[in-house]
Amino acid sequence: MTSDAAIRARFQVIWPGFSLDIDLDLPGRGVTALFGHSGSGKTTLLRCLAGLERQSIGLLNFKGEVWQDNARGICRPTYRRPLGYVFQEASLFPHLSVRKNLDYGRKRVNGGHKVSLDHAVELLDIGRLLDRMPDRLSGGERQRVAIARALATSPELLLMDEPLAALDMKRRNEILPYLERLHDELEIPVFYVSHAPDEIARLADHVVLLAEGRVVAAGGLREILARLDLPTAFAEDAGVVIEAVVADHDETYHLTRLDFPGGSVAVARRPEAIGRRLRFRVHARDVSLALARAEGTSILNLLPATVVEVADADTPAHVLVRLDAGGTPLIARITRRSHAHLGVTPDKAMWAQIKAVALLA
């Protein structure tokens, strides 16, 4: 196995009315999102990785170490797996201060400290909270402490089970930047359960799409989001994620130009310095198509592109069109009438008109 595919997971779980049956080679670094609707098996798979699902049978090889192999009678208990687990609810000890909650996590470390407690506190920006009791924290603060406590165990693997699900939109938006810091600054592989496409687009490097206990698709984030055979998974949230570089600032019109393979887009003025890498999302519903470059339009972002594939959308009135814009995939959601009128077929040269860009930062 290479460092990019260093986790081998094969699990079967059978319950009345539900079964999980997966066979995966998973990345040994970055954020892998376990995505799917409620009841798809996301949390069950996470519990199997943690050794918490007693009915699981199968194999788990983590970077050359066998954590489970039922055929050989091996099943390392959870407390002997070097992992951290963050639940939907923070589950802090209510009788302990933040500092003592963190100390509890630190005392579980058997080997060397891969993440120092000071580093965890700094990453989650909870230094001012150390002497508070859990009932004096907001929901977002409690969850940041819970993540820091998981990191204080110096895990080799971090498991996160919908850590933002119990938070309102304001608190979710507060905590997302801290999760991005974990992604950028730590080399610990993370498995992140979510049913929210916006979280996946913002945080993930890889995606495992689950439905009814089975793997529907697995691969890199951009590859999975650009596929047209998965429309029911994303529906109205269908779209692509693009990595770009801040190329220029237009102080006259308060715009920033982002460059990427295949072109550039203009967005409202960003604070980041030139050269900074950013991730943005383009929803299929915000892409229209034209046979020629439009003149006299308010749409700023026009890209030459070639049609790759056309597929049915989740409604009979629309189709999804996958495009190649100089090596960068795009998806457009257009009506069947427009599809017929424009003669949209594979290999046809067209212009993609991007009506909106969502910066994921």
Protein backbone atom coordinates (compact mmCIF):
# COMPACT_ATOMS: atom_id res chain seq x y z
CA MET A 1 0.00 0.00 0.00
CA THR A 2 1.09 3.57 -0.65
CA SER A 3 0.61 6.46 1.74
CA ASP A 4 -2.35 7.59 -0.40
CA ALA A 5 -4.17 4.25 -0.07
CA ALA A 6 -2.98 3.00 3.29
CA ILE A 7 -6.21 1.86 4.95
CA ARG A 8 -7.85 -1.38 3.90
CA ALA A 9 -11.39 -1.81 5.25
CA ARG A 10 -13.69 -4.76 4.68
CA PHE A 11 -16.76 -4.94 6.94
CA GLN A 12 -20.04 -6.80 7.14
CA VAL A 13 -22.73 -5.99 9.69
CA ILE A 14 -26.17 -7.59 9.63
CA TRP A 15 -29.07 -6.26 11.67
CA PRO A 16 -32.81 -6.87 11.29
CA GLY A 17 -33.83 -4.65 8.36
CA PHE A 18 -30.31 -3.34 7.62
CA SER A 19 -26.94 -4.63 6.51
CA LEU A 20 -23.58 -3.02 5.87
CA ASP A 21 -21.28 -4.61 3.30
CA ILE A 22 -18.29 -2.55 2.23
CA ASP A 23 -14.88 -3.22 0.71
CA LEU A 24 -12.64 -0.15 0.46
CA ASP A 25 -9.08 1.03 0.04
CA LEU A 26 -9.03 4.35 1.84
CA PRO A 27 -6.50 7.20 1.84
CA GLY A 28 -3.99 7.41 4.64
CA ARG A 29 -4.04 11.20 4.69
CA GLY A 30 -6.41 14.11 4.12
CA VAL A 31 -10.12 14.29 4.93
CA THR A 32 -12.29 11.43 3.70
CA ALA A 33 -15.99 12.27 3.82
CA LEU A 34 -18.49 9.49 4.45
CA PHE A 35 -21.53 10.94 2.72
CA GLY A 36 -25.09 9.77 2.23
CA HIS A 37 -28.67 10.14 3.36
CA SER A 38 -29.82 9.13 6.85
CA GLY A 39 -29.70 5.36 7.25
CA SER A 40 -27.08 4.86 4.54
CA GLY A 41 -24.54 3.34 6.95
CA LYS A 42 -22.19 6.28 7.54
CA THR A 43 -22.09 6.11 11.34
CA THR A 44 -22.06 2.30 11.32
CA LEU A 45 -18.94 2.34 9.12
CA LEU A 46 -17.31 4.89 11.43
CA ARG A 47 -18.09 2.70 14.44
CA CYS A 48 -16.57 -0.29 12.64
CA LEU A 49 -13.36 1.68 12.09
CA ALA A 50 -13.33 2.55 15.79
CA GLY A 51 -14.00 -1.01 16.92
CA LEU A 52 -17.27 0.03 18.56
CA GLU A 53 -19.56 -2.10 16.39
CA ARG A 54 -19.55 -5.48 18.08
CA GLN A 55 -21.44 -7.23 15.29
CA SER A 56 -18.93 -6.27 12.60
CA ILE A 57 -16.85 -8.94 10.92
CA GLY A 58 -14.12 -8.35 8.41
CA LEU A 59 -10.69 -6.80 8.06
CA LEU A 60 -9.12 -3.45 8.98
CA ASN A 61 -5.49 -2.80 8.12
CA PHE A 62 -4.27 0.65 9.12
CA LYS A 63 -0.95 1.59 7.51
CA GLY A 64 0.38 -1.94 7.80
CA GLU A 65 -1.02 -2.65 11.27
CA VAL A 66 -3.85 -5.17 11.54
CA TRP A 67 -6.55 -3.74 13.78
CA GLN A 68 -9.10 -6.38 12.88
CA ASP A 69 -9.03 -9.67 11.01
CA ASN A 70 -11.79 -12.00 12.09
CA ALA A 71 -10.47 -14.80 9.89
CA ARG A 72 -7.35 -14.82 12.07
CA GLY A 73 -9.14 -14.12 15.35
CA ILE A 74 -7.76 -10.57 15.62
CA CYS A 75 -9.87 -7.67 16.86
CA ARG A 76 -8.00 -4.91 18.63
CA PRO A 77 -10.33 -3.22 21.16
CA THR A 78 -11.14 0.45 20.79
CA TYR A 79 -8.89 1.56 23.65
CA ARG A 80 -5.91 -0.02 21.86
CA ARG A 81 -6.62 1.72 18.54
CA PRO A 82 -4.76 5.05 18.34
CA LEU A 83 -7.75 7.13 17.32
CA GLY A 84 -9.82 10.10 18.41
CA TYR A 85 -13.60 10.14 18.09
CA VAL A 86 -15.80 13.27 17.94
CA PHE A 87 -19.55 12.70 18.27
CA GLN A 88 -22.50 14.86 17.22
CA GLU A 89 -22.86 16.01 20.81
CA ALA A 90 -19.74 17.28 22.54
CA SER A 91 -20.21 14.83 25.46
CA LEU A 92 -17.89 16.76 27.78
CA PHE A 93 -17.69 15.71 31.42
CA PRO A 94 -20.02 18.27 33.03
CA HIS A 95 -18.23 18.18 36.41
CA LEU A 96 -14.81 18.96 34.90
CA SER A 97 -13.49 22.28 33.61
CA VAL A 98 -12.36 22.58 30.00
CA ARG A 99 -8.76 22.17 31.15
CA LYS A 100 -9.55 18.97 33.04
CA ASN A 101 -11.58 17.61 30.13
CA LEU A 102 -8.48 18.08 27.97
CA ASP A 103 -6.26 16.50 30.62
CA TYR A 104 -8.50 13.44 30.55
CA GLY A 105 -7.79 13.05 26.84
CA ARG A 106 -4.08 13.61 27.29
CA LYS A 107 -3.83 10.91 29.96
CA ARG A 108 -5.00 8.33 27.42
CA VAL A 109 -1.82 8.76 25.36
CA ASN A 110 0.31 5.60 25.42
CA GLY A 111 3.04 6.62 22.98
CA GLY A 112 4.59 9.95 22.02
CA HIS A 113 2.53 13.09 21.60
CA LYS A 114 1.80 13.57 17.90
CA VAL A 115 -0.30 16.64 18.73
CA SER A 116 0.71 18.58 21.82
CA LEU A 117 -2.02 19.87 24.10
CA ASP A 118 -0.83 23.44 23.54
CA HIS A 119 -1.06 22.91 19.78
CA ALA A 120 -4.60 21.54 20.07
CA VAL A 121 -5.62 24.52 22.22
CA GLU A 122 -4.11 26.93 19.71
CA LEU A 123 -5.64 25.21 16.67
CA LEU A 124 -9.14 25.38 18.18
CA ASP A 125 -8.62 28.81 19.81
CA ILE A 126 -9.88 27.73 23.22
CA GLY A 127 -7.16 29.17 25.46
CA ARG A 128 -9.58 31.68 27.03
CA LEU A 129 -12.03 28.87 27.81
CA LEU A 130 -9.73 26.60 29.83
CA ASP A 131 -11.10 27.50 33.25
CA ARG A 132 -14.77 27.45 32.28
CA MET A 133 -17.22 24.67 33.01
CA PRO A 134 -19.03 23.05 30.07
CA ASP A 135 -22.39 24.63 30.99
CA ARG A 136 -20.81 28.06 30.48
CA LEU A 137 -19.90 27.33 26.85
CA SER A 138 -21.87 27.87 23.66
CA GLY A 139 -22.64 24.88 21.45
CA GLY A 140 -19.81 25.78 19.07
CA GLU A 141 -17.36 26.24 21.94
CA ARG A 142 -18.29 22.88 23.43
CA GLN A 143 -17.69 21.16 20.12
CA ARG A 144 -14.31 22.87 19.68
CA VAL A 145 -13.32 21.61 23.13
CA ALA A 146 -14.49 18.11 22.20
CA ILE A 147 -12.32 18.18 19.08
CA ALA A 148 -9.34 19.45 21.09
CA ARG A 149 -9.88 16.64 23.62
CA ALA A 150 -9.84 14.08 20.79
CA LEU A 151 -6.61 15.61 19.46
CA ALA A 152 -5.10 15.58 22.96
CA THR A 153 -5.03 11.78 22.74
CA SER A 154 -2.48 12.19 19.91
CA PRO A 155 -4.49 9.99 17.53
CA GLU A 156 -3.15 8.48 14.34
CA LEU A 157 -6.72 8.57 13.00
CA LEU A 158 -9.47 11.11 13.74
CA LEU A 159 -13.12 10.06 13.37
CA MET A 160 -15.81 12.76 13.30
CA ASP A 161 -19.50 11.82 13.31
CA GLU A 162 -21.47 14.83 12.02
CA PRO A 163 -19.77 17.21 14.47
CA LEU A 164 -21.82 20.18 13.22
CA ALA A 165 -25.23 18.51 13.05
CA ALA A 166 -26.37 19.76 16.47
CA LEU A 167 -25.38 23.38 15.73
CA ASP A 168 -27.39 26.15 14.10
CA MET A 169 -26.13 27.84 10.93
CA LYS A 170 -24.34 30.62 12.81
CA ARG A 171 -22.43 28.18 15.03
CA ARG A 172 -21.66 25.91 12.06
CA ASN A 173 -20.11 28.82 10.19
CA GLU A 174 -18.08 29.72 13.28
CA ILE A 175 -16.57 26.26 13.66
CA LEU A 176 -15.90 25.43 9.98
CA PRO A 177 -12.75 27.61 9.82
CA TYR A 178 -11.29 25.63 12.73
CA LEU A 179 -11.97 22.35 10.91
CA GLU A 180 -10.19 23.81 7.89
CA ARG A 181 -7.19 24.60 10.08
CA LEU A 182 -7.07 20.96 11.19
CA HIS A 183 -7.10 19.95 7.52
CA ASP A 184 -4.32 22.39 6.61
CA GLU A 185 -2.00 21.95 9.60
CA LEU A 186 -2.29 18.31 10.69
CA GLU A 187 -1.22 15.18 8.82
CA ILE A 188 -3.65 12.95 10.71
CA PRO A 189 -6.14 11.24 8.36
CA VAL A 190 -9.71 12.26 9.16
CA PHE A 191 -12.93 10.39 8.43
CA TYR A 192 -15.79 12.86 8.48
CA VAL A 193 -19.43 11.78 8.46
CA SER A 194 -21.93 14.23 6.99
CA HIS A 195 -25.10 14.47 4.95
CA ALA A 196 -24.47 18.17 4.15
CA PRO A 197 -22.99 18.73 0.66
CA ASP A 198 -21.67 22.17 1.61
CA GLU A 199 -19.54 20.72 4.42
CA ILE A 200 -18.20 18.02 2.11
CA ALA A 201 -17.33 20.55 -0.58
CA ARG A 202 -15.52 22.74 1.92
CA LEU A 203 -13.55 20.17 3.89
CA ALA A 204 -13.10 16.91 2.01
CA ASP A 205 -10.28 15.61 -0.18
CA HIS A 206 -11.94 12.26 -0.81
CA VAL A 207 -15.54 11.05 -0.73
CA VAL A 208 -17.16 7.70 -0.01
CA LEU A 209 -20.82 7.83 -1.06
CA LEU A 210 -23.01 5.32 0.78
CA ALA A 211 -26.57 4.15 0.20
CA GLU A 212 -28.38 1.35 2.05
CA GLY A 213 -25.15 0.02 3.54
CA ARG A 214 -23.30 -0.19 0.23
CA VAL A 215 -20.63 1.93 -1.44
CA VAL A 216 -22.13 3.74 -4.43
CA ALA A 217 -18.94 5.61 -5.33
CA ALA A 218 -15.54 6.43 -3.86
CA GLY A 219 -12.76 8.71 -5.06
CA GLY A 220 -11.35 12.23 -5.04
CA LEU A 221 -13.73 15.07 -4.21
CA ARG A 222 -13.58 16.75 -7.62
CA GLU A 223 -13.96 13.42 -9.42
CA ILE A 224 -17.04 12.41 -7.42
CA LEU A 225 -18.77 15.80 -7.61
CA ALA A 226 -18.27 15.97 -11.38
CA ARG A 227 -19.94 12.61 -12.05
CA LEU A 228 -23.36 12.71 -13.67
CA ASP A 229 -24.42 9.22 -12.61
CA LEU A 230 -24.92 10.34 -9.00
CA PRO A 231 -27.67 12.98 -9.37
CA THR A 232 -29.93 11.67 -6.62
CA ALA A 233 -27.11 11.98 -4.09
CA PHE A 234 -26.70 15.73 -4.54
CA ALA A 235 -29.90 16.80 -6.37
CA GLU A 236 -30.17 20.61 -6.17
CA ASP A 237 -26.66 20.77 -4.66
CA ALA A 238 -25.02 19.21 -7.74
CA GLY A 239 -21.92 21.11 -8.77
CA VAL A 240 -18.13 21.09 -8.79
CA VAL A 241 -15.35 22.29 -6.51
CA ILE A 242 -12.41 24.13 -8.07
CA GLU A 243 -9.01 24.92 -6.56
CA ALA A 244 -7.79 28.36 -7.62
CA VAL A 245 -5.09 30.94 -6.90
CA VAL A 246 -5.69 34.60 -6.09
CA ALA A 247 -4.22 36.28 -9.19
CA ASP A 248 -5.21 39.95 -9.03
CA HIS A 249 -7.25 42.56 -7.16
CA ASP A 250 -9.27 45.19 -9.04
CA GLU A 251 -9.53 48.07 -6.59
CA THR A 252 -11.68 50.15 -8.95
CA TYR A 253 -14.54 47.65 -9.07
CA HIS A 254 -13.71 45.82 -5.82
CA LEU A 255 -13.18 42.47 -7.51
CA THR A 256 -10.64 39.67 -7.17
CA ARG A 257 -9.54 37.41 -10.03
CA LEU A 258 -9.05 33.73 -9.29
CA ASP A 259 -7.04 31.70 -11.78
CA PHE A 260 -7.31 27.93 -12.31
CA PRO A 261 -6.51 25.49 -15.12
CA GLY A 262 -8.90 26.42 -17.91
CA GLY A 263 -9.56 30.05 -17.07
CA SER A 264 -10.41 32.50 -14.32
CA VAL A 265 -13.38 33.92 -12.48
CA ALA A 266 -14.04 37.31 -10.92
CA VAL A 267 -15.50 37.44 -7.41
CA ALA A 268 -16.19 40.16 -4.88
CA ARG A 269 -12.96 41.61 -3.44
CA ARG A 270 -11.22 39.05 -1.23
CA PRO A 271 -8.85 39.85 1.67
CA GLU A 272 -6.33 37.12 0.76
CA ALA A 273 -2.97 38.08 -0.71
CA ILE A 274 -2.04 37.39 -4.32
CA GLY A 275 -0.76 33.82 -4.61
CA ARG A 276 -3.04 32.41 -1.90
CA ARG A 277 -4.88 29.22 -2.81
CA LEU A 278 -8.65 29.15 -2.42
CA ARG A 279 -11.37 26.60 -3.02
CA PHE A 280 -14.67 27.63 -4.60
CA ARG A 281 -17.83 25.87 -5.65
CA VAL A 282 -19.94 26.29 -8.77
CA HIS A 283 -23.44 24.85 -8.58
CA ALA A 284 -24.85 23.30 -11.73
CA ARG A 285 -27.92 25.52 -11.40
CA ASP A 286 -25.66 28.58 -11.69
CA VAL A 287 -24.15 27.57 -15.05
CA SER A 288 -25.89 28.39 -18.32
CA LEU A 289 -24.69 27.57 -21.85
CA ALA A 290 -24.37 29.55 -25.06
CA LEU A 291 -23.20 28.77 -28.59
CA ALA A 292 -21.10 31.95 -28.75
CA ARG A 293 -19.46 34.31 -26.29
CA ALA A 294 -22.19 36.61 -25.02
CA GLU A 295 -21.81 40.36 -25.44
CA GLY A 296 -23.63 42.99 -23.44
CA THR A 297 -24.30 40.73 -20.45
CA SER A 298 -23.98 41.33 -16.72
CA ILE A 299 -22.46 37.86 -16.27
CA LEU A 300 -18.73 38.37 -15.71
CA ASN A 301 -17.54 34.79 -15.83
CA LEU A 302 -17.58 33.30 -19.33
CA LEU A 303 -15.48 30.21 -20.08
CA PRO A 304 -14.96 28.30 -23.35
CA ALA A 305 -15.77 24.64 -22.72
CA THR A 306 -16.42 21.36 -24.49
CA VAL A 307 -19.39 19.12 -23.76
CA VAL A 308 -18.27 15.78 -22.32
CA GLU A 309 -21.51 14.09 -21.31
CA VAL A 310 -25.26 14.67 -20.99
CA ALA A 311 -27.44 12.86 -18.44
CA ASP A 312 -30.91 13.02 -16.92
CA ALA A 313 -31.36 15.29 -13.92
CA ASP A 314 -33.56 14.58 -10.91
CA THR A 315 -36.56 16.23 -12.63
CA PRO A 316 -37.92 15.38 -16.09
CA ALA A 317 -37.71 19.01 -17.24
CA HIS A 318 -33.90 19.22 -16.88
CA VAL A 319 -30.68 17.57 -17.95
CA LEU A 320 -27.17 17.76 -16.51
CA VAL A 321 -24.30 18.61 -18.84
CA ARG A 322 -20.70 17.85 -17.92
CA LEU A 323 -18.18 20.20 -19.51
CA ASP A 324 -14.41 20.35 -19.81
CA ALA A 325 -13.11 23.90 -19.42
CA GLY A 326 -9.44 23.49 -20.29
CA GLY A 327 -9.01 20.57 -17.90
CA THR A 328 -11.39 21.81 -15.21
CA PRO A 329 -14.76 20.04 -15.03
CA LEU A 330 -18.01 22.00 -14.84
CA ILE A 331 -21.63 20.87 -14.63
CA ALA A 332 -24.57 22.81 -16.06
CA ARG A 333 -28.21 22.17 -15.23
CA ILE A 334 -30.35 23.24 -18.18
CA THR A 335 -33.87 22.57 -19.42
CA ARG A 336 -34.54 19.84 -21.94
CA ARG A 337 -35.87 22.53 -24.23
CA SER A 338 -32.51 24.38 -24.11
CA HIS A 339 -30.71 21.09 -24.59
CA ALA A 340 -32.66 20.46 -27.81
CA HIS A 341 -32.59 24.07 -29.02
CA LEU A 342 -28.80 24.44 -28.60
CA GLY A 343 -28.03 20.96 -29.90
CA VAL A 344 -25.97 20.06 -26.83
CA THR A 345 -24.07 16.87 -27.65
CA PRO A 346 -20.69 15.42 -26.63
CA ASP A 347 -17.66 17.18 -28.17
CA LYS A 348 -19.66 20.34 -28.95
CA ALA A 349 -17.80 23.59 -28.23
CA MET A 350 -19.82 25.99 -26.11
CA TRP A 351 -19.50 28.88 -23.68
CA ALA A 352 -20.24 28.30 -20.01
CA GLN A 353 -21.74 31.33 -18.29
CA ILE A 354 -21.22 31.21 -14.52
CA LYS A 355 -23.84 33.26 -12.73
CA ALA A 356 -22.56 32.74 -9.18
CA VAL A 357 -19.46 31.47 -7.43
CA ALA A 358 -19.50 30.26 -3.82
CA LEU A 359 -16.15 30.79 -2.08
CA LEU A 360 -15.46 28.00 0.39
CA ALA A 361 -13.45 29.94 2.93
